[in-house]
Amino acid sequence: MTETTQSQDNPTWPDLAIGLYDKLTGRNAEIVYEFEKFVIHVPVTATPDTDHTPWKVDGVVKIKTRDHS
């Protein structure tokens, strides 16, 4: 199985988002992502084997992208 086939059979979330944006670009489309109780583990330092600390967002984060071409 090639890398391309694997990607098509088991796409990652970023692959899906990129594919959706590619289809909507040029159509005056807007993509909205909403996160509730969002937790991201942020590296404490910029070294490969660093510890991570959780950052928590209590509420909703909205990220909007729009193609204004």
C-alpha atoms as a PDB file:
ATOM      1  CA  MET A   1       0.000   0.000   0.000  1.00  0.00           C
ATOM      2  CA  THR A   2       1.458   3.354  -0.982  1.00  0.00           C
ATOM      3  CA  GLU A   3       1.601   6.418   1.238  1.00  0.00           C
ATOM      4  CA  THR A   4      -0.987   8.156  -0.973  1.00  0.00           C
ATOM      5  CA  THR A   5      -3.400   5.215  -0.654  1.00  0.00           C
ATOM      6  CA  GLN A   6      -2.936   5.128   3.119  1.00  0.00           C
ATOM      7  CA  SER A   7      -3.654   8.844   3.310  1.00  0.00           C
ATOM      8  CA  GLN A   8      -6.860   8.423   1.286  1.00  0.00           C
ATOM      9  CA  ASP A   9      -8.008   5.378   3.280  1.00  0.00           C
ATOM     10  CA  ASN A  10      -7.173   6.848   6.701  1.00  0.00           C
ATOM     11  CA  PRO A  11      -7.087  10.634   6.407  1.00  0.00           C
ATOM     12  CA  THR A  12      -5.997  12.696   9.385  1.00  0.00           C
ATOM     13  CA  TRP A  13      -8.062  15.604  10.729  1.00  0.00           C
ATOM     14  CA  PRO A  14      -5.678  18.115   9.101  1.00  0.00           C
ATOM     15  CA  ASP A  15      -6.022  16.234   5.772  1.00  0.00           C
ATOM     16  CA  LEU A  16      -9.809  16.458   6.011  1.00  0.00           C
ATOM     17  CA  ALA A  17      -9.705  20.171   6.897  1.00  0.00           C
ATOM     18  CA  ILE A  18      -7.339  20.932   4.012  1.00  0.00           C
ATOM     19  CA  GLY A  19      -9.541  18.984   1.599  1.00  0.00           C
ATOM     20  CA  LEU A  20     -12.648  20.844   2.753  1.00  0.00           C
ATOM     21  CA  TYR A  21     -10.939  24.232   2.484  1.00  0.00           C
ATOM     22  CA  ASP A  22      -9.626  23.358  -0.991  1.00  0.00           C
ATOM     23  CA  LYS A  23     -13.168  22.534  -2.153  1.00  0.00           C
ATOM     24  CA  LEU A  24     -14.615  25.736  -0.685  1.00  0.00           C
ATOM     25  CA  THR A  25     -11.848  28.156  -1.728  1.00  0.00           C
ATOM     26  CA  GLY A  26     -13.031  30.616  -4.318  1.00  0.00           C
ATOM     27  CA  ARG A  27     -16.679  30.162  -3.375  1.00  0.00           C
ATOM     28  CA  ASN A  28     -16.764  32.925  -0.751  1.00  0.00           C
ATOM     29  CA  ALA A  29     -16.995  30.168   1.865  1.00  0.00           C
ATOM     30  CA  GLU A  30     -16.430  30.408   5.588  1.00  0.00           C
ATOM     31  CA  ILE A  31     -15.225  27.592   7.846  1.00  0.00           C
ATOM     32  CA  VAL A  32     -15.967  27.780  11.567  1.00  0.00           C
ATOM     33  CA  TYR A  33     -14.369  25.514  14.167  1.00  0.00           C
ATOM     34  CA  GLU A  34     -15.848  25.439  17.652  1.00  0.00           C
ATOM     35  CA  PHE A  35     -14.060  23.888  20.625  1.00  0.00           C
ATOM     36  CA  GLU A  36     -15.640  23.420  24.026  1.00  0.00           C
ATOM     37  CA  LYS A  37     -13.606  22.423  27.087  1.00  0.00           C
ATOM     38  CA  PHE A  38     -10.529  22.618  24.879  1.00  0.00           C
ATOM     39  CA  VAL A  39      -7.235  21.305  26.312  1.00  0.00           C
ATOM     40  CA  ILE A  40      -3.885  21.561  24.566  1.00  0.00           C
ATOM     41  CA  HIS A  41      -0.627  20.189  25.978  1.00  0.00           C
ATOM     42  CA  VAL A  42       2.016  22.863  25.467  1.00  0.00           C
ATOM     43  CA  PRO A  43       5.744  22.037  25.639  1.00  0.00           C
ATOM     44  CA  VAL A  44       7.482  23.603  28.636  1.00  0.00           C
ATOM     45  CA  THR A  45      10.722  24.115  26.677  1.00  0.00           C
ATOM     46  CA  ALA A  46      11.830  23.794  23.053  1.00  0.00           C
ATOM     47  CA  THR A  47      13.754  20.564  23.635  1.00  0.00           C
ATOM     48  CA  PRO A  48      12.676  17.206  22.172  1.00  0.00           C
ATOM     49  CA  ASP A  49      12.056  15.395  25.477  1.00  0.00           C
ATOM     50  CA  THR A  50      10.447  18.228  27.425  1.00  0.00           C
ATOM     51  CA  ASP A  51       7.472  17.971  29.734  1.00  0.00           C
ATOM     52  CA  HIS A  52       4.126  19.349  28.611  1.00  0.00           C
ATOM     53  CA  THR A  53       1.644  21.404  30.567  1.00  0.00           C
ATOM     54  CA  PRO A  54      -2.085  21.492  29.797  1.00  0.00           C
ATOM     55  CA  TRP A  55      -3.675  24.790  28.837  1.00  0.00           C
ATOM     56  CA  LYS A  56      -7.431  24.745  29.278  1.00  0.00           C
ATOM     57  CA  VAL A  57      -9.996  27.036  27.683  1.00  0.00           C
ATOM     58  CA  ASP A  58     -13.257  27.281  29.587  1.00  0.00           C
ATOM     59  CA  GLY A  59     -15.740  28.283  26.934  1.00  0.00           C
ATOM     60  CA  VAL A  60     -15.791  28.311  23.160  1.00  0.00           C
ATOM     61  CA  VAL A  61     -13.048  29.270  20.734  1.00  0.00           C
ATOM     62  CA  LYS A  62     -14.178  30.184  17.219  1.00  0.00           C
ATOM     63  CA  ILE A  63     -11.702  30.306  14.374  1.00  0.00           C
ATOM     64  CA  LYS A  64     -13.006  31.681  11.099  1.00  0.00           C
ATOM     65  CA  THR A  65     -11.249  31.662   7.769  1.00  0.00           C
ATOM     66  CA  ARG A  66     -12.561  33.323   4.662  1.00  0.00           C
ATOM     67  CA  ASP A  67     -11.169  33.574   1.179  1.00  0.00           C
ATOM     68  CA  HIS A  68     -11.510  37.197   0.040  1.00  0.00           C
ATOM     69  CA  SER A  69      -9.998  36.767  -3.405  1.00  0.00           C
END
